[in-house]
């Protein structure tokens, strides 16, 4: 298995476009994981030897979501607690279209 990411910016942008007026990065990450399961698992596997593979991948995806939102002119309006993939509240970026 190669180390190239398979979750593309186009996949992230499609989920951002499909999101409601208010959304956070956790919601986008969960939607990408749901709609692109093989790509998500492939990218997660890159971090398998890390202490926190989900956290590492999600941090990377969160940065890419922020970049895409900046390009699209969608402002980061706040940071908030939101359930992560394990249903635990953790801080993430909140956006408003």
N, C-alpha and C. Protein backbone atom coordinates (compact mmCIF):
# COMPACT_ATOMS: atom_id res chain seq x y z
N UNK A 1 0.86 -1.19 0.00
CA UNK A 1 0.00 0.00 0.00
C UNK A 1 0.89 1.24 0.00
N UNK A 2 0.66 2.14 -0.91
CA UNK A 2 1.48 3.34 -1.00
C UNK A 2 1.06 4.36 0.04
N UNK A 3 1.86 5.42 0.16
CA UNK A 3 1.60 6.43 1.18
C UNK A 3 0.90 7.67 0.65
N UNK A 4 0.47 7.65 -0.60
CA UNK A 4 -0.25 8.80 -1.13
C UNK A 4 -1.63 8.89 -0.49
N UNK A 5 -2.05 10.10 -0.18
CA UNK A 5 -3.39 10.25 0.37
C UNK A 5 -4.41 9.96 -0.70
N UNK A 6 -5.51 9.40 -0.28
CA UNK A 6 -6.56 9.11 -1.25
C UNK A 6 -7.81 9.94 -1.00
N UNK A 7 -7.93 10.54 0.17
CA UNK A 7 -9.02 11.50 0.38
C UNK A 7 -8.57 12.79 -0.30
N UNK A 8 -9.25 13.12 -1.37
CA UNK A 8 -8.84 14.28 -2.17
C UNK A 8 -9.50 15.56 -1.66
N UNK A 9 -8.93 16.67 -2.08
CA UNK A 9 -9.54 17.96 -1.76
C UNK A 9 -10.93 18.06 -2.40
N UNK A 10 -11.11 17.42 -3.54
CA UNK A 10 -12.44 17.42 -4.19
C UNK A 10 -13.46 16.70 -3.31
N UNK A 11 -13.07 15.62 -2.67
CA UNK A 11 -13.99 14.91 -1.77
C UNK A 11 -14.35 15.81 -0.59
N UNK A 12 -13.36 16.45 -0.02
CA UNK A 12 -13.62 17.35 1.11
C UNK A 12 -14.50 18.52 0.67
N UNK A 13 -14.20 19.09 -0.48
CA UNK A 13 -15.00 20.22 -0.99
C UNK A 13 -16.44 19.82 -1.25
N UNK A 14 -16.65 18.61 -1.75
CA UNK A 14 -18.03 18.14 -2.01
C UNK A 14 -18.81 18.04 -0.71
N UNK A 15 -18.18 17.57 0.35
CA UNK A 15 -18.87 17.47 1.65
C UNK A 15 -19.12 18.86 2.23
N UNK A 16 -18.18 19.77 2.04
CA UNK A 16 -18.38 21.15 2.50
C UNK A 16 -19.56 21.78 1.75
N UNK A 17 -19.61 21.56 0.45
CA UNK A 17 -20.72 22.10 -0.36
C UNK A 17 -22.06 21.52 0.08
N UNK A 18 -22.07 20.25 0.46
CA UNK A 18 -23.32 19.57 0.86
C UNK A 18 -23.73 19.90 2.29
N UNK A 19 -22.81 20.46 3.07
CA UNK A 19 -23.11 20.78 4.47
C UNK A 19 -24.12 21.92 4.55
N UNK A 20 -24.78 22.02 5.68
CA UNK A 20 -25.72 23.11 5.91
C UNK A 20 -25.01 24.43 6.09
N UNK A 21 -25.78 25.44 6.46
CA UNK A 21 -25.22 26.79 6.63
C UNK A 21 -24.12 26.82 7.69
N UNK A 22 -24.34 26.12 8.80
CA UNK A 22 -23.36 26.03 9.87
C UNK A 22 -22.85 24.60 9.94
N UNK A 23 -21.56 24.43 10.01
CA UNK A 23 -20.98 23.09 10.10
C UNK A 23 -19.63 23.20 10.79
N UNK A 24 -19.15 22.08 11.26
CA UNK A 24 -17.82 22.06 11.86
C UNK A 24 -16.96 21.00 11.18
N UNK A 25 -15.68 21.05 11.46
CA UNK A 25 -14.76 20.13 10.79
C UNK A 25 -15.04 18.68 11.13
N UNK A 26 -15.52 18.39 12.35
CA UNK A 26 -15.87 17.00 12.69
C UNK A 26 -16.97 16.47 11.78
N UNK A 27 -17.96 17.30 11.50
CA UNK A 27 -19.06 16.87 10.63
C UNK A 27 -18.55 16.53 9.22
N UNK A 28 -17.63 17.34 8.73
CA UNK A 28 -17.09 17.10 7.39
C UNK A 28 -16.25 15.82 7.40
N UNK A 29 -15.44 15.62 8.40
CA UNK A 29 -14.62 14.42 8.50
C UNK A 29 -15.50 13.17 8.57
N UNK A 30 -16.55 13.21 9.38
CA UNK A 30 -17.46 12.06 9.48
C UNK A 30 -18.15 11.78 8.15
N UNK A 31 -18.55 12.83 7.45
CA UNK A 31 -19.21 12.65 6.15
C UNK A 31 -18.25 12.04 5.14
N UNK A 32 -17.01 12.52 5.13
CA UNK A 32 -16.00 11.95 4.22
C UNK A 32 -15.76 10.48 4.54
N UNK A 33 -15.64 10.17 5.83
CA UNK A 33 -15.42 8.77 6.23
C UNK A 33 -16.59 7.89 5.82
N UNK A 34 -17.81 8.39 5.98
CA UNK A 34 -19.01 7.64 5.62
C UNK A 34 -19.12 7.42 4.12
N UNK A 35 -18.85 8.46 3.34
CA UNK A 35 -19.08 8.41 1.91
C UNK A 35 -17.88 7.89 1.10
N UNK A 36 -16.74 7.78 1.74
CA UNK A 36 -15.51 7.35 1.05
C UNK A 36 -14.74 6.39 1.95
N UNK A 37 -15.38 5.32 2.36
CA UNK A 37 -14.82 4.44 3.38
C UNK A 37 -13.47 3.83 3.00
N UNK A 38 -13.31 3.37 1.78
CA UNK A 38 -12.04 2.76 1.40
C UNK A 38 -10.91 3.80 1.42
N UNK A 39 -11.18 4.99 0.92
CA UNK A 39 -10.17 6.05 0.94
C UNK A 39 -9.82 6.44 2.38
N UNK A 40 -10.84 6.53 3.23
CA UNK A 40 -10.63 6.90 4.63
C UNK A 40 -9.73 5.86 5.31
N UNK A 41 -10.06 4.59 5.13
CA UNK A 41 -9.27 3.52 5.77
C UNK A 41 -7.84 3.53 5.23
N UNK A 42 -7.70 3.75 3.94
CA UNK A 42 -6.36 3.81 3.34
C UNK A 42 -5.55 4.92 4.00
N UNK A 43 -6.13 6.10 4.13
CA UNK A 43 -5.42 7.22 4.75
C UNK A 43 -5.17 6.99 6.23
N UNK A 44 -6.12 6.37 6.92
CA UNK A 44 -5.95 6.07 8.34
C UNK A 44 -4.79 5.09 8.54
N UNK A 45 -4.68 4.13 7.64
CA UNK A 45 -3.63 3.12 7.76
C UNK A 45 -2.23 3.73 7.75
N UNK A 46 -2.08 4.85 7.08
CA UNK A 46 -0.76 5.53 7.07
C UNK A 46 -0.29 5.86 8.48
N UNK A 47 -1.22 6.03 9.38
CA UNK A 47 -0.89 6.44 10.75
C UNK A 47 -0.94 5.27 11.73
N UNK A 48 -1.02 4.04 11.24
CA UNK A 48 -1.23 2.86 12.08
C UNK A 48 -0.17 2.72 13.17
N UNK A 49 1.03 3.14 12.93
CA UNK A 49 2.10 3.02 13.94
C UNK A 49 2.19 4.23 14.85
N UNK A 50 1.30 5.16 14.68
CA UNK A 50 1.27 6.35 15.53
C UNK A 50 0.50 6.03 16.81
N UNK A 51 0.77 6.78 17.85
CA UNK A 51 0.08 6.58 19.13
C UNK A 51 -1.42 6.87 19.00
N UNK A 52 -1.78 7.79 18.15
CA UNK A 52 -3.18 8.19 18.00
C UNK A 52 -3.50 8.37 16.52
N UNK A 53 -3.71 7.25 15.79
CA UNK A 53 -3.89 7.36 14.34
C UNK A 53 -5.09 8.20 13.91
N UNK A 54 -6.21 8.07 14.61
CA UNK A 54 -7.39 8.86 14.23
C UNK A 54 -7.11 10.35 14.44
N UNK A 55 -6.51 10.68 15.57
CA UNK A 55 -6.21 12.08 15.86
C UNK A 55 -5.26 12.66 14.82
N UNK A 56 -4.26 11.90 14.43
CA UNK A 56 -3.29 12.39 13.43
C UNK A 56 -3.97 12.63 12.09
N UNK A 57 -4.76 11.66 11.63
CA UNK A 57 -5.46 11.82 10.36
C UNK A 57 -6.45 12.98 10.42
N UNK A 58 -7.22 13.04 11.49
CA UNK A 58 -8.25 14.07 11.59
C UNK A 58 -7.64 15.47 11.69
N UNK A 59 -6.50 15.57 12.34
CA UNK A 59 -5.81 16.86 12.39
C UNK A 59 -5.39 17.29 10.99
N UNK A 60 -4.85 16.36 10.23
CA UNK A 60 -4.46 16.64 8.85
C UNK A 60 -5.68 17.05 8.01
N UNK A 61 -6.77 16.31 8.15
CA UNK A 61 -7.99 16.64 7.40
C UNK A 61 -8.55 18.00 7.82
N UNK A 62 -8.51 18.29 9.12
CA UNK A 62 -9.00 19.57 9.61
C UNK A 62 -8.25 20.74 8.99
N UNK A 63 -6.93 20.60 8.84
CA UNK A 63 -6.14 21.66 8.21
C UNK A 63 -6.53 21.83 6.74
N UNK A 64 -6.75 20.72 6.07
CA UNK A 64 -7.16 20.80 4.66
C UNK A 64 -8.55 21.39 4.52
N UNK A 65 -9.45 21.06 5.43
CA UNK A 65 -10.80 21.65 5.42
C UNK A 65 -10.70 23.16 5.58
N UNK A 66 -9.87 23.60 6.50
CA UNK A 66 -9.68 25.04 6.72
C UNK A 66 -9.17 25.72 5.45
N UNK A 67 -8.20 25.10 4.78
CA UNK A 67 -7.67 25.68 3.53
C UNK A 67 -8.75 25.77 2.45
N UNK A 68 -9.53 24.70 2.31
CA UNK A 68 -10.59 24.69 1.30
C UNK A 68 -11.65 25.74 1.62
N UNK A 69 -12.02 25.85 2.89
CA UNK A 69 -13.01 26.87 3.28
C UNK A 69 -12.48 28.27 3.02
N UNK A 70 -11.21 28.49 3.26
CA UNK A 70 -10.61 29.81 2.98
C UNK A 70 -10.71 30.11 1.50
N UNK A 71 -10.38 29.16 0.65
CA UNK A 71 -10.45 29.34 -0.80
C UNK A 71 -11.89 29.63 -1.22
N UNK A 72 -12.85 28.94 -0.61
CA UNK A 72 -14.27 29.11 -0.95
C UNK A 72 -14.89 30.35 -0.32
N UNK A 73 -14.14 31.04 0.53
CA UNK A 73 -14.67 32.23 1.19
C UNK A 73 -15.63 31.92 2.32
N UNK A 74 -15.49 30.74 2.92
CA UNK A 74 -16.34 30.34 4.04
C UNK A 74 -15.55 30.60 5.33
N UNK A 75 -16.01 31.55 6.13
CA UNK A 75 -15.22 31.92 7.30
C UNK A 75 -15.29 30.93 8.45
N UNK A 76 -14.16 30.81 9.13
CA UNK A 76 -14.07 30.08 10.39
C UNK A 76 -14.58 31.05 11.44
N UNK A 77 -15.75 30.76 12.02
CA UNK A 77 -16.38 31.73 12.92
C UNK A 77 -16.08 31.50 14.39
N UNK A 78 -15.70 30.28 14.74
CA UNK A 78 -15.40 30.00 16.14
C UNK A 78 -14.76 28.63 16.26
N UNK A 79 -14.36 28.33 17.46
CA UNK A 79 -13.92 26.99 17.82
C UNK A 79 -14.93 26.50 18.85
N UNK A 80 -15.34 25.25 18.71
CA UNK A 80 -16.36 24.75 19.61
C UNK A 80 -16.09 23.29 19.96
N UNK A 81 -16.73 22.83 21.02
CA UNK A 81 -16.68 21.41 21.36
C UNK A 81 -17.71 20.69 20.50
N UNK A 82 -17.31 19.59 19.91
CA UNK A 82 -18.16 18.83 19.01
C UNK A 82 -17.80 17.36 19.16
N UNK A 83 -18.78 16.47 19.02
CA UNK A 83 -18.44 15.05 19.13
C UNK A 83 -17.53 14.61 17.99
N UNK A 84 -16.45 13.92 18.34
CA UNK A 84 -15.55 13.39 17.33
C UNK A 84 -16.02 12.01 16.90
N UNK A 85 -15.20 11.28 16.20
CA UNK A 85 -15.58 9.97 15.67
C UNK A 85 -15.89 8.97 16.78
N UNK A 86 -15.38 9.23 17.98
CA UNK A 86 -15.64 8.37 19.13
C UNK A 86 -16.74 8.91 20.03
N UNK A 87 -17.48 9.91 19.54
CA UNK A 87 -18.57 10.56 20.26
C UNK A 87 -18.08 11.27 21.53
N UNK A 88 -16.82 11.64 21.54
CA UNK A 88 -16.26 12.41 22.65
C UNK A 88 -16.15 13.86 22.22
N UNK A 89 -16.52 14.76 23.10
CA UNK A 89 -16.41 16.18 22.77
C UNK A 89 -14.97 16.61 22.71
N UNK A 90 -14.61 17.22 21.63
CA UNK A 90 -13.28 17.82 21.51
C UNK A 90 -13.40 19.07 20.66
N UNK A 91 -12.40 19.90 20.74
CA UNK A 91 -12.44 21.20 20.07
C UNK A 91 -12.23 21.06 18.56
N UNK A 92 -13.00 21.83 17.81
CA UNK A 92 -12.83 21.86 16.36
C UNK A 92 -13.31 23.19 15.81
N UNK A 93 -12.99 23.41 14.55
CA UNK A 93 -13.36 24.67 13.88
C UNK A 93 -14.83 24.63 13.45
N UNK A 94 -15.50 25.74 13.65
CA UNK A 94 -16.90 25.91 13.27
C UNK A 94 -16.95 26.94 12.13
N UNK A 95 -17.73 26.63 11.08
CA UNK A 95 -17.80 27.48 9.89
C UNK A 95 -19.24 27.90 9.64
N UNK A 96 -19.38 29.02 8.93
CA UNK A 96 -20.72 29.49 8.55
C UNK A 96 -20.66 30.01 7.11
N UNK A 97 -21.53 29.44 6.27
CA UNK A 97 -21.61 29.86 4.86
C UNK A 97 -22.34 31.18 4.75
